[in-house]
N, C-alpha and C. Protein backbone atom coordinates (compact mmCIF):
# COMPACT_ATOMS: atom_id res chain seq x y z
N MET A 1 205.55 -31.73 56.42
CA MET A 1 204.37 -32.02 55.63
C MET A 1 204.56 -33.39 54.98
N THR A 2 203.54 -34.22 55.01
CA THR A 2 203.62 -35.55 54.42
C THR A 2 203.64 -35.45 52.91
N GLY A 3 203.98 -36.55 52.25
CA GLY A 3 204.01 -36.58 50.79
C GLY A 3 202.66 -36.25 50.17
N ALA A 4 201.59 -36.82 50.72
CA ALA A 4 200.25 -36.57 50.19
C ALA A 4 199.84 -35.12 50.42
N ALA A 5 200.14 -34.58 51.59
CA ALA A 5 199.80 -33.18 51.88
C ALA A 5 200.59 -32.24 50.97
N SER A 6 201.83 -32.57 50.72
CA SER A 6 202.66 -31.76 49.83
C SER A 6 202.12 -31.79 48.40
N GLN A 7 201.69 -32.96 47.96
CA GLN A 7 201.09 -33.08 46.62
C GLN A 7 199.79 -32.28 46.53
N ALA A 8 198.96 -32.36 47.54
CA ALA A 8 197.71 -31.62 47.55
C ALA A 8 197.98 -30.12 47.51
N GLU A 9 198.95 -29.65 48.30
CA GLU A 9 199.31 -28.24 48.32
C GLU A 9 199.79 -27.79 46.95
N GLU A 10 200.56 -28.61 46.28
CA GLU A 10 201.06 -28.28 44.93
C GLU A 10 199.90 -28.14 43.94
N ILE A 11 198.93 -29.03 44.02
CA ILE A 11 197.77 -28.98 43.13
C ILE A 11 196.94 -27.72 43.41
N PHE A 12 196.62 -27.46 44.68
CA PHE A 12 195.78 -26.31 45.01
C PHE A 12 196.47 -24.98 44.72
N SER A 13 197.80 -24.95 44.80
CA SER A 13 198.52 -23.71 44.52
C SER A 13 198.45 -23.34 43.04
N ARG A 14 198.11 -24.27 42.19
CA ARG A 14 198.00 -24.01 40.75
C ARG A 14 196.64 -23.45 40.35
N LEU A 15 195.67 -23.55 41.23
CA LEU A 15 194.33 -23.06 40.91
C LEU A 15 194.31 -21.54 40.93
N ASN A 16 193.59 -20.98 40.04
CA ASN A 16 193.39 -19.53 40.01
C ASN A 16 191.93 -19.28 40.37
N ARG A 17 191.66 -19.24 41.66
CA ARG A 17 190.30 -19.16 42.15
C ARG A 17 189.81 -17.72 42.17
N GLU A 18 188.50 -17.57 42.00
CA GLU A 18 187.90 -16.25 42.14
C GLU A 18 187.87 -15.88 43.62
N LEU A 19 187.75 -14.59 43.88
CA LEU A 19 187.69 -14.11 45.26
C LEU A 19 186.33 -13.49 45.52
N TRP A 20 185.74 -13.86 46.64
CA TRP A 20 184.41 -13.39 47.03
C TRP A 20 184.50 -12.70 48.38
N VAL A 21 183.73 -11.66 48.56
CA VAL A 21 183.55 -11.04 49.87
C VAL A 21 182.12 -11.33 50.30
N VAL A 22 181.98 -11.86 51.49
CA VAL A 22 180.66 -12.11 52.08
C VAL A 22 180.44 -11.04 53.16
N THR A 23 179.29 -10.38 53.11
CA THR A 23 178.97 -9.36 54.10
C THR A 23 177.66 -9.68 54.80
N SER A 24 177.54 -9.17 56.01
CA SER A 24 176.31 -9.35 56.78
C SER A 24 176.27 -8.27 57.86
N ALA A 25 175.12 -8.11 58.46
CA ALA A 25 174.97 -7.11 59.53
C ALA A 25 173.80 -7.47 60.42
N THR A 26 173.90 -6.99 61.64
CA THR A 26 172.78 -7.00 62.58
C THR A 26 172.44 -5.54 62.85
N GLN A 27 171.54 -5.30 63.75
CA GLN A 27 171.17 -3.92 64.06
C GLN A 27 172.36 -3.11 64.59
N ASN A 28 173.28 -3.77 65.30
CA ASN A 28 174.39 -3.06 65.94
C ASN A 28 175.76 -3.27 65.31
N ASP A 29 175.92 -4.31 64.50
CA ASP A 29 177.24 -4.65 63.96
C ASP A 29 177.15 -4.96 62.48
N ARG A 30 178.28 -4.79 61.80
CA ARG A 30 178.38 -5.20 60.41
C ARG A 30 179.75 -5.81 60.21
N GLY A 31 179.84 -6.72 59.25
CA GLY A 31 181.11 -7.40 59.02
C GLY A 31 181.19 -7.97 57.63
N GLY A 32 182.39 -8.37 57.29
CA GLY A 32 182.63 -8.99 56.00
C GLY A 32 183.89 -9.83 56.06
N LEU A 33 183.96 -10.82 55.20
CA LEU A 33 185.14 -11.68 55.15
C LEU A 33 185.42 -12.08 53.72
N LEU A 34 186.64 -12.49 53.47
CA LEU A 34 187.02 -13.01 52.17
C LEU A 34 186.70 -14.50 52.17
N ALA A 35 185.83 -14.91 51.27
CA ALA A 35 185.44 -16.32 51.18
C ALA A 35 186.13 -16.93 49.97
N THR A 36 186.84 -18.00 50.17
CA THR A 36 187.55 -18.63 49.07
C THR A 36 186.74 -19.75 48.43
N TRP A 37 185.56 -20.02 48.99
CA TRP A 37 184.74 -21.08 48.40
C TRP A 37 183.28 -20.64 48.38
N VAL A 38 182.81 -20.28 47.21
CA VAL A 38 181.42 -19.93 46.96
C VAL A 38 181.02 -20.64 45.68
N SER A 39 179.85 -21.25 45.67
CA SER A 39 179.42 -22.00 44.49
C SER A 39 177.92 -21.86 44.26
N GLN A 40 177.54 -21.86 43.02
CA GLN A 40 176.12 -21.85 42.64
C GLN A 40 175.51 -23.20 43.02
N ALA A 41 174.32 -23.17 43.60
CA ALA A 41 173.68 -24.41 44.01
C ALA A 41 172.26 -24.54 43.46
N SER A 42 171.90 -23.66 42.52
CA SER A 42 170.57 -23.69 41.94
C SER A 42 170.65 -23.25 40.49
N LEU A 43 169.83 -23.86 39.66
CA LEU A 43 169.76 -23.46 38.25
C LEU A 43 168.56 -22.56 37.99
N ASN A 44 167.76 -22.32 39.00
CA ASN A 44 166.55 -21.52 38.86
C ASN A 44 166.87 -20.05 39.13
N PRO A 45 166.86 -19.18 38.12
CA PRO A 45 167.20 -17.78 38.33
C PRO A 45 166.20 -17.03 39.23
N GLN A 46 165.00 -17.57 39.37
CA GLN A 46 164.00 -16.95 40.24
C GLN A 46 164.26 -17.24 41.71
N ARG A 47 165.01 -18.29 41.98
CA ARG A 47 165.33 -18.67 43.36
C ARG A 47 166.80 -19.05 43.45
N PRO A 48 167.68 -18.06 43.35
CA PRO A 48 169.12 -18.37 43.39
C PRO A 48 169.54 -18.90 44.76
N VAL A 49 170.36 -19.91 44.74
CA VAL A 49 170.89 -20.51 45.95
C VAL A 49 172.40 -20.62 45.79
N ILE A 50 173.13 -20.27 46.83
CA ILE A 50 174.58 -20.43 46.82
C ILE A 50 175.00 -21.29 47.99
N LEU A 51 176.16 -21.87 47.86
CA LEU A 51 176.84 -22.54 48.96
C LEU A 51 178.11 -21.75 49.21
N ALA A 52 178.37 -21.43 50.45
CA ALA A 52 179.59 -20.71 50.80
C ALA A 52 180.19 -21.34 52.04
N GLY A 53 181.49 -21.51 52.01
CA GLY A 53 182.20 -22.05 53.17
C GLY A 53 182.57 -20.93 54.13
N LEU A 54 181.93 -20.87 55.29
CA LEU A 54 182.21 -19.85 56.30
C LEU A 54 182.63 -20.54 57.58
N ALA A 55 183.81 -20.24 58.05
CA ALA A 55 184.30 -20.86 59.29
C ALA A 55 183.46 -20.40 60.48
N PRO A 56 183.16 -21.31 61.39
CA PRO A 56 182.26 -20.98 62.50
C PRO A 56 182.83 -19.94 63.47
N ASN A 57 184.14 -19.75 63.49
CA ASN A 57 184.74 -18.81 64.43
C ASN A 57 184.79 -17.37 63.92
N HIS A 58 184.39 -17.12 62.67
CA HIS A 58 184.47 -15.78 62.11
C HIS A 58 183.33 -14.89 62.61
N PHE A 59 183.66 -13.62 62.81
CA PHE A 59 182.69 -12.61 63.23
C PHE A 59 181.54 -12.51 62.23
N THR A 60 181.87 -12.52 60.94
CA THR A 60 180.83 -12.42 59.90
C THR A 60 179.90 -13.62 59.95
N THR A 61 180.42 -14.80 60.21
CA THR A 61 179.57 -15.99 60.34
C THR A 61 178.57 -15.79 61.47
N GLN A 62 179.03 -15.22 62.56
CA GLN A 62 178.13 -14.92 63.70
C GLN A 62 177.03 -13.96 63.25
N LEU A 63 177.38 -12.94 62.48
CA LEU A 63 176.39 -11.98 62.00
C LEU A 63 175.38 -12.63 61.06
N VAL A 64 175.86 -13.51 60.19
CA VAL A 64 174.97 -14.24 59.27
C VAL A 64 173.97 -15.06 60.07
N ARG A 65 174.47 -15.77 61.06
CA ARG A 65 173.57 -16.59 61.90
C ARG A 65 172.54 -15.74 62.63
N GLN A 66 172.97 -14.60 63.16
CA GLN A 66 172.05 -13.75 63.92
C GLN A 66 171.03 -13.05 63.03
N SER A 67 171.46 -12.58 61.87
CA SER A 67 170.56 -11.80 61.01
C SER A 67 169.78 -12.66 60.02
N GLY A 68 170.35 -13.81 59.65
CA GLY A 68 169.72 -14.63 58.62
C GLY A 68 169.95 -14.09 57.22
N ASN A 69 170.83 -13.08 57.08
CA ASN A 69 171.09 -12.45 55.78
C ASN A 69 172.58 -12.39 55.48
N LEU A 70 172.88 -12.46 54.19
CA LEU A 70 174.24 -12.24 53.73
C LEU A 70 174.19 -11.76 52.29
N ALA A 71 175.27 -11.17 51.86
CA ALA A 71 175.44 -10.79 50.46
C ALA A 71 176.80 -11.31 50.02
N VAL A 72 176.89 -11.74 48.78
CA VAL A 72 178.16 -12.21 48.23
C VAL A 72 178.56 -11.30 47.08
N HIS A 73 179.82 -10.96 47.04
CA HIS A 73 180.36 -10.02 46.05
C HIS A 73 181.55 -10.67 45.35
N LEU A 74 181.47 -10.80 44.04
CA LEU A 74 182.60 -11.31 43.26
C LEU A 74 183.52 -10.14 42.95
N LEU A 75 184.78 -10.26 43.35
CA LEU A 75 185.73 -9.18 43.13
C LEU A 75 186.33 -9.24 41.73
N ASP A 76 186.71 -8.08 41.22
CA ASP A 76 187.46 -7.99 39.97
C ASP A 76 188.91 -8.37 40.25
N VAL A 77 189.64 -8.73 39.20
CA VAL A 77 191.03 -9.15 39.37
C VAL A 77 191.93 -8.04 39.92
N ASP A 78 191.56 -6.79 39.73
CA ASP A 78 192.38 -5.69 40.22
C ASP A 78 191.98 -5.21 41.61
N GLN A 79 191.17 -5.97 42.32
CA GLN A 79 190.69 -5.56 43.64
C GLN A 79 191.40 -6.29 44.78
N THR A 80 192.69 -6.49 44.65
CA THR A 80 193.44 -7.16 45.71
C THR A 80 193.43 -6.35 47.00
N ASP A 81 193.35 -5.02 46.88
CA ASP A 81 193.28 -4.19 48.08
C ASP A 81 191.99 -4.44 48.86
N VAL A 82 190.90 -4.65 48.15
CA VAL A 82 189.61 -4.96 48.80
C VAL A 82 189.68 -6.35 49.44
N ALA A 83 190.25 -7.30 48.70
CA ALA A 83 190.41 -8.66 49.25
C ALA A 83 191.24 -8.62 50.53
N TRP A 84 192.35 -7.89 50.50
CA TRP A 84 193.21 -7.80 51.67
C TRP A 84 192.47 -7.15 52.84
N ASN A 85 191.69 -6.12 52.57
CA ASN A 85 190.92 -5.45 53.61
C ASN A 85 190.00 -6.41 54.35
N PHE A 86 189.40 -7.35 53.63
CA PHE A 86 188.43 -8.25 54.25
C PHE A 86 189.04 -9.54 54.79
N CYS A 87 190.35 -9.73 54.60
CA CYS A 87 190.93 -10.97 55.12
C CYS A 87 192.05 -10.76 56.14
N ARG A 88 192.56 -9.56 56.29
CA ARG A 88 193.77 -9.37 57.10
C ARG A 88 193.57 -9.46 58.61
N ASP A 89 192.36 -9.20 59.09
CA ASP A 89 192.10 -9.31 60.53
C ASP A 89 190.60 -9.41 60.77
N SER A 90 190.22 -9.41 62.01
CA SER A 90 188.82 -9.63 62.36
C SER A 90 188.02 -8.32 62.42
N GLY A 91 186.78 -8.40 62.02
CA GLY A 91 185.86 -7.28 62.14
C GLY A 91 185.47 -7.00 63.59
N ARG A 92 185.86 -7.87 64.49
CA ARG A 92 185.62 -7.60 65.91
C ARG A 92 186.49 -6.43 66.38
N GLN A 93 187.65 -6.23 65.74
CA GLN A 93 188.58 -5.18 66.14
C GLN A 93 188.46 -3.89 65.33
N ARG A 94 187.92 -3.95 64.11
CA ARG A 94 187.84 -2.74 63.30
C ARG A 94 186.67 -2.82 62.33
N ASP A 95 186.24 -1.65 61.86
CA ASP A 95 185.16 -1.57 60.87
C ASP A 95 185.79 -1.73 59.48
N LYS A 96 185.59 -2.88 58.87
CA LYS A 96 186.18 -3.16 57.57
C LYS A 96 185.56 -2.33 56.45
N PHE A 97 184.45 -1.65 56.74
CA PHE A 97 183.77 -0.85 55.73
C PHE A 97 184.12 0.64 55.81
N ALA A 98 185.04 1.00 56.70
CA ALA A 98 185.37 2.41 56.93
C ALA A 98 185.79 3.13 55.64
N ASN A 99 186.54 2.48 54.79
CA ASN A 99 187.02 3.12 53.55
C ASN A 99 186.48 2.44 52.29
N ILE A 100 185.35 1.78 52.42
CA ILE A 100 184.75 1.05 51.30
C ILE A 100 183.45 1.74 50.91
N GLU A 101 183.30 1.99 49.61
CA GLU A 101 182.05 2.59 49.13
C GLU A 101 180.96 1.53 49.11
N LEU A 102 179.83 1.86 49.72
CA LEU A 102 178.71 0.94 49.79
C LEU A 102 177.55 1.43 48.95
N SER A 103 176.77 0.48 48.46
CA SER A 103 175.53 0.77 47.76
C SER A 103 174.40 0.57 48.76
N ASN A 104 173.34 1.26 48.62
CA ASN A 104 172.21 1.13 49.55
C ASN A 104 171.11 0.23 48.99
N THR A 105 171.47 -0.82 48.30
CA THR A 105 170.47 -1.69 47.70
C THR A 105 169.67 -2.48 48.73
N LEU A 106 170.34 -2.94 49.76
CA LEU A 106 169.66 -3.67 50.83
C LEU A 106 169.87 -2.94 52.15
N GLU A 107 168.81 -2.71 52.87
CA GLU A 107 168.90 -2.00 54.14
C GLU A 107 169.77 -2.70 55.17
N SER A 108 169.54 -3.99 55.33
CA SER A 108 170.14 -4.70 56.46
C SER A 108 171.49 -5.35 56.17
N THR A 109 171.93 -5.39 54.94
CA THR A 109 173.17 -6.06 54.60
C THR A 109 174.06 -5.13 53.79
N PRO A 110 175.31 -4.92 54.21
CA PRO A 110 176.20 -4.05 53.44
C PRO A 110 176.46 -4.62 52.04
N ILE A 111 176.29 -3.75 51.04
CA ILE A 111 176.52 -4.13 49.65
C ILE A 111 177.66 -3.28 49.11
N LEU A 112 178.71 -3.93 48.63
CA LEU A 112 179.84 -3.21 48.07
C LEU A 112 179.42 -2.56 46.76
N ALA A 113 179.73 -1.27 46.60
CA ALA A 113 179.32 -0.54 45.42
C ALA A 113 180.16 -0.90 44.20
N LYS A 114 181.43 -1.17 44.42
CA LYS A 114 182.34 -1.43 43.29
C LYS A 114 182.93 -2.82 43.40
N CYS A 115 182.42 -3.71 42.61
CA CYS A 115 182.98 -5.05 42.48
C CYS A 115 182.44 -5.63 41.18
N HIS A 116 182.93 -6.78 40.78
CA HIS A 116 182.48 -7.38 39.53
C HIS A 116 180.98 -7.64 39.54
N SER A 117 180.52 -8.33 40.58
CA SER A 117 179.10 -8.70 40.67
C SER A 117 178.67 -8.73 42.12
């Protein structure tokens, strides 16, 4: 690692970032991922807008593109098990929602029942 890359890694390792789960679904599939970058992009509470960094190769990104819908969930500090569930492997191989309690607030997008927000 170069000197600049090492310095950048040292700086970023000091950040205590919040953890977000992004979920989406199509008629046949559902998925979710741990997003490390989500930000508010609107000050209008009537029209909330977010920016989220989703890698193009992720299964959930594919679902977002196909459905046009997503939900973002801010995790509590004690939800490392939920974070691990959504980041350890791909939703192409397993149903990440198998042991997760869901709320039925939105028909087409999985909503986690227990999280901060």
